Amino acid sequence: MKRRGLLVLSLVMITILLTWLAVNNGQQKTEINGEGEEKLKEEIVKVHKFDPNQSQTKGSKNDLVFSLVEAKDSTNANKKVTYTVKNEGTRNQKLSFTTSQRYDYELSSKEKGLIERFSDGKNFLQVLGDVTLAPGEEVSYDIKLPALEKGNYILTVYLAASGINYAHETLLFTIE
Protein backbone atom coordinates (compact mmCIF):
# COMPACT_ATOMS: atom_id res chain seq x y z
CA MET A 1 0.00 0.00 0.00
CA LYS A 2 2.82 2.41 0.86
CA ARG A 3 4.50 1.71 -2.49
CA ARG A 4 1.31 2.46 -4.34
CA GLY A 5 0.92 5.83 -2.54
CA LEU A 6 4.55 6.70 -3.27
CA LEU A 7 4.08 5.79 -6.93
CA VAL A 8 0.95 7.94 -7.22
CA LEU A 9 2.69 10.87 -5.52
CA SER A 10 5.69 10.52 -7.86
CA LEU A 11 3.44 10.48 -10.92
CA VAL A 12 1.61 13.59 -9.72
CA MET A 13 4.90 15.44 -9.16
CA ILE A 14 6.21 14.43 -12.59
CA THR A 15 2.96 15.57 -14.21
CA ILE A 16 3.16 18.95 -12.45
CA LEU A 17 6.79 19.40 -13.50
CA LEU A 18 6.10 18.50 -17.14
CA THR A 19 3.08 20.82 -17.23
CA TRP A 20 5.14 23.68 -15.79
CA LEU A 21 7.92 23.10 -18.34
CA ALA A 22 5.43 23.01 -21.22
CA VAL A 23 3.74 26.23 -20.11
CA ASN A 24 7.02 28.11 -19.70
CA ASN A 25 8.39 26.84 -23.01
CA GLY A 26 5.18 27.89 -24.77
CA GLN A 27 5.35 31.39 -23.27
CA GLN A 28 8.92 31.88 -24.48
CA LYS A 29 7.98 30.79 -28.01
CA THR A 30 5.02 33.16 -28.22
CA GLU A 31 7.09 36.07 -26.98
CA ILE A 32 9.78 35.51 -29.62
CA ASN A 33 7.67 34.50 -32.66
CA GLY A 34 6.28 37.01 -35.18
CA GLU A 35 6.66 40.72 -34.48
CA GLY A 36 8.11 40.01 -31.06
CA GLU A 37 11.17 38.42 -32.66
CA GLU A 38 12.02 41.56 -34.66
CA LYS A 39 11.49 43.79 -31.62
CA LEU A 40 13.72 41.51 -29.56
CA LYS A 41 16.48 41.71 -32.19
CA GLU A 42 16.21 45.52 -32.26
CA GLU A 43 16.42 45.73 -28.47
CA ILE A 44 19.47 43.45 -28.39
CA VAL A 45 21.21 45.65 -30.95
CA LYS A 46 20.33 48.79 -28.94
CA VAL A 47 21.59 47.31 -25.68
CA HIS A 48 24.88 46.07 -27.11
CA LYS A 49 25.67 49.01 -29.39
CA PHE A 50 28.14 51.26 -27.55
CA ASP A 51 29.01 54.76 -28.67
CA PRO A 52 31.58 56.39 -26.36
CA ASN A 53 30.63 59.85 -27.63
CA GLN A 54 27.07 59.51 -26.37
CA SER A 55 25.89 59.30 -22.79
CA GLN A 56 24.41 55.87 -22.13
CA THR A 57 22.25 57.20 -19.30
CA LYS A 58 19.91 59.71 -20.91
CA GLY A 59 16.26 59.01 -20.13
CA SER A 60 17.08 56.60 -17.35
CA LYS A 61 14.16 55.39 -15.27
CA ASN A 62 15.69 56.64 -12.03
CA ASP A 63 16.29 60.22 -13.20
CA LEU A 64 19.97 59.92 -12.31
CA VAL A 65 22.34 61.79 -14.60
CA PHE A 66 26.04 60.94 -14.77
CA SER A 67 28.88 63.18 -15.89
CA LEU A 68 32.62 62.80 -16.22
CA VAL A 69 34.79 65.90 -16.63
CA GLU A 70 38.46 66.72 -16.35
CA ALA A 71 39.29 68.50 -13.11
CA LYS A 72 40.35 72.14 -13.40
CA ASP A 73 43.77 71.46 -11.89
CA SER A 74 44.38 68.44 -14.16
CA THR A 75 47.64 68.32 -16.11
CA ASN A 76 49.14 65.77 -18.51
CA ALA A 77 51.43 64.47 -15.76
CA ASN A 78 48.71 64.57 -13.10
CA LYS A 79 45.43 63.70 -14.91
CA LYS A 80 42.35 64.04 -12.69
CA VAL A 81 38.66 63.65 -13.49
CA THR A 82 35.46 64.11 -11.51
CA TYR A 83 32.61 61.58 -11.78
CA THR A 84 29.29 63.09 -10.71
CA VAL A 85 25.91 61.47 -10.09
CA LYS A 86 22.99 63.92 -9.95
CA ASN A 87 19.33 63.32 -9.15
CA GLU A 88 17.33 65.31 -11.70
CA GLY A 89 14.05 63.67 -10.72
CA THR A 90 11.34 64.74 -8.30
CA ARG A 91 11.84 61.92 -5.76
CA ASN A 92 14.71 60.91 -3.51
CA GLN A 93 17.02 58.34 -5.12
CA LYS A 94 18.81 55.79 -2.96
CA LEU A 95 22.16 54.37 -4.07
CA SER A 96 22.93 51.11 -2.25
CA PHE A 97 26.48 49.82 -2.03
CA THR A 98 27.50 46.35 -0.81
CA THR A 99 31.16 47.30 -0.24
CA SER A 100 33.19 50.42 0.45
CA GLN A 101 33.80 50.75 -3.30
CA ARG A 102 31.79 53.62 -4.81
CA TYR A 103 33.03 53.52 -8.43
CA ASP A 104 35.24 51.56 -10.77
CA TYR A 105 36.95 52.61 -13.96
CA GLU A 106 38.66 51.20 -17.01
CA LEU A 107 41.40 53.20 -18.70
CA SER A 108 42.37 52.06 -22.18
CA SER A 109 43.84 53.14 -25.48
CA LYS A 110 43.47 51.79 -28.98
CA GLU A 111 47.18 50.96 -29.16
CA LYS A 112 47.59 49.33 -25.73
CA GLY A 113 44.10 48.03 -24.96
CA LEU A 114 43.17 47.96 -21.27
CA ILE A 115 45.77 49.89 -19.28
CA GLU A 116 44.20 49.88 -15.84
CA ARG A 117 41.05 48.78 -14.07
CA PHE A 118 40.72 50.61 -10.74
CA SER A 119 39.46 47.58 -8.79
CA ASP A 120 42.16 45.15 -9.98
CA GLY A 121 44.32 44.06 -7.07
CA LYS A 122 42.29 46.02 -4.52
CA ASN A 123 40.24 44.81 -1.60
CA PHE A 124 37.17 46.70 -0.43
CA LEU A 125 35.49 46.51 2.96
CA GLN A 126 32.41 44.30 2.96
CA VAL A 127 30.05 46.88 4.42
CA LEU A 128 26.61 47.99 3.36
CA GLY A 129 26.23 51.70 2.69
CA ASP A 130 23.53 53.91 1.23
CA VAL A 131 23.69 57.37 -0.29
CA THR A 132 20.34 59.13 -0.68
CA LEU A 133 20.15 61.96 -3.20
CA ALA A 134 17.32 64.44 -2.84
CA PRO A 135 15.95 66.07 -6.02
CA GLY A 136 18.66 68.34 -7.45
CA GLU A 137 21.33 66.88 -5.16
CA GLU A 138 24.55 65.29 -6.45
CA VAL A 139 27.55 63.34 -5.25
CA SER A 140 31.00 63.54 -6.86
CA TYR A 141 34.06 61.33 -6.81
CA ASP A 142 37.52 62.65 -7.69
CA ILE A 143 39.63 60.18 -9.64
CA LYS A 144 43.41 60.48 -10.09
CA LEU A 145 44.73 58.54 -13.07
CA PRO A 146 48.20 56.99 -13.34
CA ALA A 147 50.97 58.78 -15.25
CA LEU A 148 50.33 58.39 -18.97
CA GLU A 149 52.46 58.64 -22.11
CA LYS A 150 51.45 60.71 -25.14
CA GLY A 151 48.40 59.31 -26.90
CA ASN A 152 44.62 59.07 -27.05
CA TYR A 153 42.79 57.46 -24.15
CA ILE A 154 39.33 56.25 -23.23
CA LEU A 155 38.19 56.38 -19.62
CA THR A 156 34.94 54.66 -18.65
CA VAL A 157 33.76 55.09 -15.06
CA TYR A 158 31.06 52.90 -13.50
CA LEU A 159 28.97 53.50 -10.40
CA ALA A 160 29.35 50.52 -8.02
CA ALA A 161 25.82 50.83 -6.58
CA SER A 162 23.84 47.62 -6.72
CA GLY A 163 20.92 47.41 -9.12
CA ILE A 164 22.09 50.28 -11.33
CA ASN A 165 23.71 48.64 -14.36
CA TYR A 166 23.51 51.59 -16.74
CA ALA A 167 25.49 53.98 -14.52
CA HIS A 168 28.62 54.60 -16.54
CA GLU A 169 30.11 57.51 -18.38
CA THR A 170 32.95 57.69 -20.90
CA LEU A 171 35.53 60.40 -21.53
CA LEU A 172 37.89 60.56 -24.51
CA PHE A 173 41.08 62.57 -23.94
CA THR A 174 44.53 63.12 -25.38
CA ILE A 175 47.90 63.43 -23.65
CA GLU A 176 50.26 65.59 -25.72
C-alpha atoms as a PDB file:
ATOM      1  CA  MET A   1       0.000   0.000   0.000  1.00  0.00           C
ATOM      2  CA  LYS A   2       2.825   2.413   0.862  1.00  0.00           C
ATOM      3  CA  ARG A   3       4.500   1.706  -2.486  1.00  0.00           C
ATOM      4  CA  ARG A   4       1.308   2.461  -4.342  1.00  0.00           C
ATOM      5  CA  GLY A   5       0.921   5.833  -2.540  1.00  0.00           C
ATOM      6  CA  LEU A   6       4.551   6.703  -3.273  1.00  0.00           C
ATOM      7  CA  LEU A   7       4.078   5.793  -6.930  1.00  0.00           C
ATOM      8  CA  VAL A   8       0.951   7.943  -7.221  1.00  0.00           C
ATOM      9  CA  LEU A   9       2.692  10.866  -5.523  1.00  0.00           C
ATOM     10  CA  SER A  10       5.690  10.519  -7.859  1.00  0.00           C
ATOM     11  CA  LEU A  11       3.437  10.477 -10.916  1.00  0.00           C
ATOM     12  CA  VAL A  12       1.610  13.595  -9.715  1.00  0.00           C
ATOM     13  CA  MET A  13       4.895  15.436  -9.156  1.00  0.00           C
ATOM     14  CA  ILE A  14       6.211  14.432 -12.590  1.00  0.00           C
ATOM     15  CA  THR A  15       2.956  15.574 -14.205  1.00  0.00           C
ATOM     16  CA  ILE A  16       3.161  18.954 -12.451  1.00  0.00           C
ATOM     17  CA  LEU A  17       6.790  19.400 -13.503  1.00  0.00           C
ATOM     18  CA  LEU A  18       6.097  18.498 -17.143  1.00  0.00           C
ATOM     19  CA  THR A  19       3.077  20.822 -17.229  1.00  0.00           C
ATOM     20  CA  TRP A  20       5.139  23.676 -15.792  1.00  0.00           C
ATOM     21  CA  LEU A  21       7.919  23.102 -18.337  1.00  0.00           C
ATOM     22  CA  ALA A  22       5.434  23.010 -21.224  1.00  0.00           C
ATOM     23  CA  VAL A  23       3.736  26.227 -20.108  1.00  0.00           C
ATOM     24  CA  ASN A  24       7.025  28.113 -19.697  1.00  0.00           C
ATOM     25  CA  ASN A  25       8.387  26.842 -23.008  1.00  0.00           C
ATOM     26  CA  GLY A  26       5.177  27.891 -24.769  1.00  0.00           C
ATOM     27  CA  GLN A  27       5.349  31.394 -23.265  1.00  0.00           C
ATOM     28  CA  GLN A  28       8.918  31.878 -24.475  1.00  0.00           C
ATOM     29  CA  LYS A  29       7.984  30.786 -28.009  1.00  0.00           C
ATOM     30  CA  THR A  30       5.024  33.160 -28.222  1.00  0.00           C
ATOM     31  CA  GLU A  31       7.094  36.074 -26.981  1.00  0.00           C
ATOM     32  CA  ILE A  32       9.782  35.509 -29.625  1.00  0.00           C
ATOM     33  CA  ASN A  33       7.666  34.504 -32.664  1.00  0.00           C
ATOM     34  CA  GLY A  34       6.277  37.006 -35.176  1.00  0.00           C
ATOM     35  CA  GLU A  35       6.664  40.716 -34.475  1.00  0.00           C
ATOM     36  CA  GLY A  36       8.111  40.009 -31.060  1.00  0.00           C
ATOM     37  CA  GLU A  37      11.172  38.417 -32.655  1.00  0.00           C
ATOM     38  CA  GLU A  38      12.016  41.563 -34.662  1.00  0.00           C
ATOM     39  CA  LYS A  39      11.491  43.794 -31.620  1.00  0.00           C
ATOM     40  CA  LEU A  40      13.716  41.513 -29.560  1.00  0.00           C
ATOM     41  CA  LYS A  41      16.480  41.709 -32.195  1.00  0.00           C
ATOM     42  CA  GLU A  42      16.207  45.523 -32.263  1.00  0.00           C
ATOM     43  CA  GLU A  43      16.417  45.726 -28.472  1.00  0.00           C
ATOM     44  CA  ILE A  44      19.467  43.448 -28.392  1.00  0.00           C
ATOM     45  CA  VAL A  45      21.212  45.655 -30.946  1.00  0.00           C
ATOM     46  CA  LYS A  46      20.332  48.785 -28.940  1.00  0.00           C
ATOM     47  CA  VAL A  47      21.587  47.309 -25.682  1.00  0.00           C
ATOM     48  CA  HIS A  48      24.883  46.069 -27.114  1.00  0.00           C
ATOM     49  CA  LYS A  49      25.670  49.013 -29.385  1.00  0.00           C
ATOM     50  CA  PHE A  50      28.140  51.257 -27.546  1.00  0.00           C
ATOM     51  CA  ASP A  51      29.008  54.763 -28.674  1.00  0.00           C
ATOM     52  CA  PRO A  52      31.584  56.391 -26.359  1.00  0.00           C
ATOM     53  CA  ASN A  53      30.630  59.854 -27.625  1.00  0.00           C
ATOM     54  CA  GLN A  54      27.070  59.510 -26.366  1.00  0.00           C
ATOM     55  CA  SER A  55      25.887  59.296 -22.794  1.00  0.00           C
ATOM     56  CA  GLN A  56      24.415  55.871 -22.125  1.00  0.00           C
ATOM     57  CA  THR A  57      22.253  57.198 -19.302  1.00  0.00           C
ATOM     58  CA  LYS A  58      19.907  59.710 -20.908  1.00  0.00           C
ATOM     59  CA  GLY A  59      16.264  59.014 -20.132  1.00  0.00           C
ATOM     60  CA  SER A  60      17.077  56.597 -17.352  1.00  0.00           C
ATOM     61  CA  LYS A  61      14.165  55.390 -15.269  1.00  0.00           C
ATOM     62  CA  ASN A  62      15.692  56.642 -12.031  1.00  0.00           C
ATOM     63  CA  ASP A  63      16.291  60.221 -13.196  1.00  0.00           C
ATOM     64  CA  LEU A  64      19.968  59.924 -12.312  1.00  0.00           C
ATOM     65  CA  VAL A  65      22.343  61.790 -14.603  1.00  0.00           C
ATOM     66  CA  PHE A  66      26.035  60.940 -14.766  1.00  0.00           C
ATOM     67  CA  SER A  67      28.878  63.179 -15.890  1.00  0.00           C
ATOM     68  CA  LEU A  68      32.622  62.801 -16.217  1.00  0.00           C
ATOM     69  CA  VAL A  69      34.793  65.899 -16.632  1.00  0.00           C
ATOM     70  CA  GLU A  70      38.460  66.719 -16.353  1.00  0.00           C
ATOM     71  CA  ALA A  71      39.287  68.497 -13.106  1.00  0.00           C
ATOM     72  CA  LYS A  72      40.346  72.144 -13.403  1.00  0.00           C
ATOM     73  CA  ASP A  73      43.769  71.461 -11.895  1.00  0.00           C
ATOM     74  CA  SER A  74      44.379  68.443 -14.159  1.00  0.00           C
ATOM     75  CA  THR A  75      47.643  68.321 -16.113  1.00  0.00           C
ATOM     76  CA  ASN A  76      49.138  65.770 -18.510  1.00  0.00           C
ATOM     77  CA  ALA A  77      51.435  64.466 -15.760  1.00  0.00           C
ATOM     78  CA  ASN A  78      48.711  64.567 -13.103  1.00  0.00           C
ATOM     79  CA  LYS A  79      45.433  63.705 -14.914  1.00  0.00           C
ATOM     80  CA  LYS A  80      42.352  64.036 -12.694  1.00  0.00           C
ATOM     81  CA  VAL A  81      38.664  63.645 -13.492  1.00  0.00           C
ATOM     82  CA  THR A  82      35.464  64.113 -11.512  1.00  0.00           C
ATOM     83  CA  TYR A  83      32.609  61.584 -11.776  1.00  0.00           C
ATOM     84  CA  THR A  84      29.285  63.085 -10.711  1.00  0.00           C
ATOM     85  CA  VAL A  85      25.910  61.468 -10.089  1.00  0.00           C
ATOM     86  CA  LYS A  86      22.988  63.924  -9.954  1.00  0.00           C
ATOM     87  CA  ASN A  87      19.329  63.322  -9.148  1.00  0.00           C
ATOM     88  CA  GLU A  88      17.327  65.307 -11.704  1.00  0.00           C
ATOM     89  CA  GLY A  89      14.054  63.671 -10.716  1.00  0.00           C
ATOM     90  CA  THR A  90      11.341  64.740  -8.302  1.00  0.00           C
ATOM     91  CA  ARG A  91      11.843  61.920  -5.759  1.00  0.00           C
ATOM     92  CA  ASN A  92      14.711  60.906  -3.507  1.00  0.00           C
ATOM     93  CA  GLN A  93      17.021  58.343  -5.123  1.00  0.00           C
ATOM     94  CA  LYS A  94      18.805  55.790  -2.964  1.00  0.00           C
ATOM     95  CA  LEU A  95      22.159  54.373  -4.068  1.00  0.00           C
ATOM     96  CA  SER A  96      22.925  51.115  -2.251  1.00  0.00           C
ATOM     97  CA  PHE A  97      26.481  49.817  -2.025  1.00  0.00           C
ATOM     98  CA  THR A  98      27.498  46.346  -0.805  1.00  0.00           C
ATOM     99  CA  THR A  99      31.160  47.295  -0.240  1.00  0.00           C
ATOM    100  CA  SER A 100      33.190  50.422   0.454  1.00  0.00           C
ATOM    101  CA  GLN A 101      33.802  50.750  -3.302  1.00  0.00           C
ATOM    102  CA  ARG A 102      31.794  53.617  -4.814  1.00  0.00           C
ATOM    103  CA  TYR A 103      33.026  53.515  -8.435  1.00  0.00           C
ATOM    104  CA  ASP A 104      35.243  51.561 -10.765  1.00  0.00           C
ATOM    105  CA  TYR A 105      36.949  52.609 -13.963  1.00  0.00           C
ATOM    106  CA  GLU A 106      38.656  51.197 -17.010  1.00  0.00           C
ATOM    107  CA  LEU A 107      41.398  53.200 -18.702  1.00  0.00           C
ATOM    108  CA  SER A 108      42.367  52.063 -22.184  1.00  0.00           C
ATOM    109  CA  SER A 109      43.843  53.144 -25.479  1.00  0.00           C
ATOM    110  CA  LYS A 110      43.474  51.791 -28.983  1.00  0.00           C
ATOM    111  CA  GLU A 111      47.179  50.957 -29.156  1.00  0.00           C
ATOM    112  CA  LYS A 112      47.588  49.328 -25.726  1.00  0.00           C
ATOM    113  CA  GLY A 113      44.097  48.026 -24.959  1.00  0.00           C
ATOM    114  CA  LEU A 114      43.173  47.962 -21.274  1.00  0.00           C
ATOM    115  CA  ILE A 115      45.775  49.891 -19.280  1.00  0.00           C
ATOM    116  CA  GLU A 116      44.200  49.881 -15.842  1.00  0.00           C
ATOM    117  CA  ARG A 117      41.047  48.780 -14.072  1.00  0.00           C
ATOM    118  CA  PHE A 118      40.723  50.607 -10.739  1.00  0.00           C
ATOM    119  CA  SER A 119      39.458  47.585  -8.791  1.00  0.00           C
ATOM    120  CA  ASP A 120      42.164  45.150  -9.978  1.00  0.00           C
ATOM    121  CA  GLY A 121      44.322  44.059  -7.071  1.00  0.00           C
ATOM    122  CA  LYS A 122      42.286  46.025  -4.523  1.00  0.00           C
ATOM    123  CA  ASN A 123      40.240  44.809  -1.602  1.00  0.00           C
ATOM    124  CA  PHE A 124      37.171  46.702  -0.430  1.00  0.00           C
ATOM    125  CA  LEU A 125      35.494  46.510   2.958  1.00  0.00           C
ATOM    126  CA  GLN A 126      32.413  44.301   2.963  1.00  0.00           C
ATOM    127  CA  VAL A 127      30.054  46.877   4.424  1.00  0.00           C
ATOM    128  CA  LEU A 128      26.609  47.990   3.358  1.00  0.00           C
ATOM    129  CA  GLY A 129      26.226  51.699   2.685  1.00  0.00           C
ATOM    130  CA  ASP A 130      23.526  53.915   1.234  1.00  0.00           C
ATOM    131  CA  VAL A 131      23.688  57.371  -0.289  1.00  0.00           C
ATOM    132  CA  THR A 132      20.342  59.135  -0.684  1.00  0.00           C
ATOM    133  CA  LEU A 133      20.151  61.958  -3.198  1.00  0.00           C
ATOM    134  CA  ALA A 134      17.316  64.443  -2.841  1.00  0.00           C
ATOM    135  CA  PRO A 135      15.947  66.073  -6.019  1.00  0.00           C
ATOM    136  CA  GLY A 136      18.663  68.338  -7.449  1.00  0.00           C
ATOM    137  CA  GLU A 137      21.330  66.876  -5.155  1.00  0.00           C
ATOM    138  CA  GLU A 138      24.547  65.291  -6.452  1.00  0.00           C
ATOM    139  CA  VAL A 139      27.545  63.337  -5.247  1.00  0.00           C
ATOM    140  CA  SER A 140      31.002  63.545  -6.860  1.00  0.00           C
ATOM    141  CA  TYR A 141      34.058  61.326  -6.813  1.00  0.00           C
ATOM    142  CA  ASP A 142      37.519  62.649  -7.692  1.00  0.00           C
ATOM    143  CA  ILE A 143      39.634  60.184  -9.643  1.00  0.00           C
ATOM    144  CA  LYS A 144      43.414  60.479 -10.088  1.00  0.00           C
ATOM    145  CA  LEU A 145      44.730  58.540 -13.069  1.00  0.00           C
ATOM    146  CA  PRO A 146      48.200  56.988 -13.335  1.00  0.00           C
ATOM    147  CA  ALA A 147      50.968  58.781 -15.246  1.00  0.00           C
ATOM    148  CA  LEU A 148      50.327  58.392 -18.973  1.00  0.00           C
ATOM    149  CA  GLU A 149      52.457  58.644 -22.112  1.00  0.00           C
ATOM    150  CA  LYS A 150      51.450  60.711 -25.142  1.00  0.00           C
ATOM    151  CA  GLY A 151      48.400  59.314 -26.901  1.00  0.00           C
ATOM    152  CA  ASN A 152      44.619  59.074 -27.053  1.00  0.00           C
ATOM    153  CA  TYR A 153      42.788  57.462 -24.155  1.00  0.00           C
ATOM    154  CA  ILE A 154      39.329  56.249 -23.232  1.00  0.00           C
ATOM    155  CA  LEU A 155      38.191  56.381 -19.617  1.00  0.00           C
ATOM    156  CA  THR A 156      34.944  54.661 -18.647  1.00  0.00           C
ATOM    157  CA  VAL A 157      33.756  55.089 -15.057  1.00  0.00           C
ATOM    158  CA  TYR A 158      31.063  52.900 -13.502  1.00  0.00           C
ATOM    159  CA  LEU A 159      28.966  53.498 -10.398  1.00  0.00           C
ATOM    160  CA  ALA A 160      29.347  50.524  -8.018  1.00  0.00           C
ATOM    161  CA  ALA A 161      25.823  50.829  -6.583  1.00  0.00           C
ATOM    162  CA  SER A 162      23.843  47.620  -6.719  1.00  0.00           C
ATOM    163  CA  GLY A 163      20.919  47.413  -9.118  1.00  0.00           C
ATOM    164  CA  ILE A 164      22.094  50.279 -11.333  1.00  0.00           C
ATOM    165  CA  ASN A 165      23.706  48.636 -14.357  1.00  0.00           C
ATOM    166  CA  TYR A 166      23.508  51.594 -16.740  1.00  0.00           C
ATOM    167  CA  ALA A 167      25.491  53.975 -14.523  1.00  0.00           C
ATOM    168  CA  HIS A 168      28.615  54.597 -16.535  1.00  0.00           C
ATOM    169  CA  GLU A 169      30.109  57.511 -18.381  1.00  0.00           C
ATOM    170  CA  THR A 170      32.949  57.690 -20.900  1.00  0.00           C
ATOM    171  CA  LEU A 171      35.527  60.402 -21.531  1.00  0.00           C
ATOM    172  CA  LEU A 172      37.891  60.560 -24.508  1.00  0.00           C
ATOM    173  CA  PHE A 173      41.079  62.572 -23.944  1.00  0.00           C
ATOM    174  CA  THR A 174      44.531  63.116 -25.384  1.00  0.00           C
ATOM    175  CA  ILE A 175      47.899  63.434 -23.653  1.00  0.00           C
ATOM    176  CA  GLU A 176      50.261  65.585 -25.723  1.00  0.00           C
END
